Amino acid sequence: VIQTATVTINDREHNIYISRNFTYEGDSETVSYSFTTDSREHANIRQGQTFKSKANWDGNVLKVTTIGGNLTKREQYSLRPDGLLMLVVERPGHPPLALYFQHQ
């Protein structure tokens, strides 16, 4: 179970940077990672593995597709009318996961 989390999205001149930090309940461990989308192949490395991410805006929804190894993960970031950031993560073999973040 996620105890606390932060998500930061910066869009500068069509270069999108995403940073995420998750602290899990019962653990003193925080998982942090950031990456650049629309990058050259093998430009991003996490835990010794290379991956490529592509992002595009579909109206007010940021859609990110990440390919690493044989897996493809899709994420959708959107602001809800109540001000919450909704992140929907789709991974092979798992049901979609929706996370909600308050603006700070």
Protein backbone atom coordinates (compact mmCIF):
# COMPACT_ATOMS: atom_id res chain seq x y z
CA VAL A 1 0.00 0.00 0.00
CA ILE A 2 1.35 3.43 -0.93
CA GLN A 3 1.65 5.70 2.11
CA THR A 4 2.78 8.91 0.36
CA ALA A 5 3.60 9.80 -3.21
CA THR A 6 4.51 12.75 -5.38
CA VAL A 7 4.33 13.17 -9.13
CA THR A 8 5.94 16.07 -10.98
CA ILE A 9 5.39 16.70 -14.70
CA ASN A 10 7.34 19.37 -16.58
CA ASP A 11 6.62 20.11 -20.23
CA ARG A 12 9.28 22.35 -21.73
CA GLU A 13 9.36 22.94 -25.46
CA HIS A 14 7.75 19.52 -26.15
CA ASN A 15 10.26 17.70 -23.88
CA ILE A 16 8.29 16.09 -21.07
CA TYR A 17 10.00 15.15 -17.81
CA ILE A 18 8.21 12.98 -15.25
CA SER A 19 9.44 12.39 -11.70
CA ARG A 20 7.74 10.08 -9.20
CA ASN A 21 8.42 9.23 -5.55
CA PHE A 22 6.50 6.52 -3.69
CA THR A 23 6.82 5.58 0.00
CA TYR A 24 5.14 2.32 0.93
CA GLU A 25 3.29 1.63 4.17
CA GLY A 26 5.28 -0.49 6.62
CA ASP A 27 8.54 0.07 4.74
CA SER A 28 11.11 2.72 5.33
CA GLU A 29 11.86 2.49 1.61
CA THR A 30 11.04 5.18 -0.91
CA VAL A 31 11.05 4.31 -4.61
CA SER A 32 12.04 7.28 -6.77
CA TYR A 33 12.59 7.60 -10.45
CA SER A 34 12.45 10.19 -13.15
CA PHE A 35 12.66 9.95 -16.90
CA THR A 36 12.48 11.95 -20.09
CA THR A 37 9.88 11.04 -22.67
CA ASP A 38 10.22 11.18 -26.43
CA SER A 39 13.85 10.19 -25.97
CA ARG A 40 16.21 8.22 -28.15
CA GLU A 41 16.20 4.48 -27.66
CA HIS A 42 18.18 3.39 -24.60
CA ALA A 43 18.37 6.99 -23.34
CA ASN A 44 16.70 6.07 -20.03
CA ILE A 45 18.11 3.46 -17.67
CA ARG A 46 16.45 2.23 -14.45
CA GLN A 47 17.76 -0.63 -12.31
CA GLY A 48 20.21 -1.59 -15.06
CA GLN A 49 17.53 -1.93 -17.74
CA THR A 50 16.97 0.38 -20.69
CA PHE A 51 13.56 1.62 -21.71
CA LYS A 52 11.99 4.05 -24.15
CA SER A 53 9.03 6.28 -23.40
CA LYS A 54 6.82 8.24 -25.75
CA ALA A 55 4.32 10.84 -24.62
CA ASN A 56 1.64 12.90 -26.26
CA TRP A 57 -1.15 15.17 -25.17
CA ASP A 58 -4.66 14.06 -26.10
CA GLY A 59 -6.63 17.16 -25.13
CA ASN A 60 -5.93 17.59 -21.41
CA VAL A 61 -4.72 14.00 -20.93
CA LEU A 62 -1.01 13.17 -21.00
CA LYS A 63 -0.59 9.66 -22.42
CA VAL A 64 2.74 7.90 -21.85
CA THR A 65 3.75 4.56 -23.36
CA THR A 66 6.89 2.92 -21.97
CA ILE A 67 8.55 -0.06 -23.62
CA GLY A 68 11.25 -2.00 -21.81
CA GLY A 69 12.25 -5.54 -22.68
CA ASN A 70 9.09 -7.34 -23.78
CA LEU A 71 6.73 -5.25 -21.64
CA THR A 72 4.65 -2.24 -22.62
CA LYS A 73 3.18 -0.04 -19.89
CA ARG A 74 0.64 2.71 -20.57
CA GLU A 75 -0.06 5.63 -18.26
CA GLN A 76 -2.62 8.41 -18.47
CA TYR A 77 -2.34 11.58 -16.40
CA SER A 78 -5.32 13.91 -16.15
CA LEU A 79 -6.67 16.62 -13.86
CA ARG A 80 -10.15 16.00 -12.57
CA PRO A 81 -12.69 18.80 -12.02
CA ASP A 82 -12.11 18.49 -8.23
CA GLY A 83 -8.41 19.32 -8.73
CA LEU A 84 -7.05 15.80 -8.17
CA LEU A 85 -4.44 14.40 -10.54
CA MET A 86 -5.55 10.98 -11.70
CA LEU A 87 -2.91 8.51 -12.89
CA VAL A 88 -4.17 5.34 -14.60
CA VAL A 89 -1.53 2.63 -15.12
CA GLU A 90 -2.09 -0.32 -17.45
CA ARG A 91 0.41 -3.21 -17.33
CA PRO A 92 0.22 -6.61 -19.01
CA GLY A 93 -1.24 -9.26 -16.71
CA HIS A 94 -2.63 -6.73 -14.20
CA PRO A 95 -5.94 -4.89 -13.94
CA PRO A 96 -5.73 -1.12 -14.54
CA LEU A 97 -4.61 0.80 -11.45
CA ALA A 98 -5.94 4.30 -10.70
CA LEU A 99 -4.04 6.58 -8.32
CA TYR A 100 -5.19 10.02 -7.19
CA PHE A 101 -2.95 12.88 -6.06
CA GLN A 102 -3.82 16.19 -4.38
CA HIS A 103 -2.20 19.33 -5.77
CA GLN A 104 0.29 20.79 -3.31
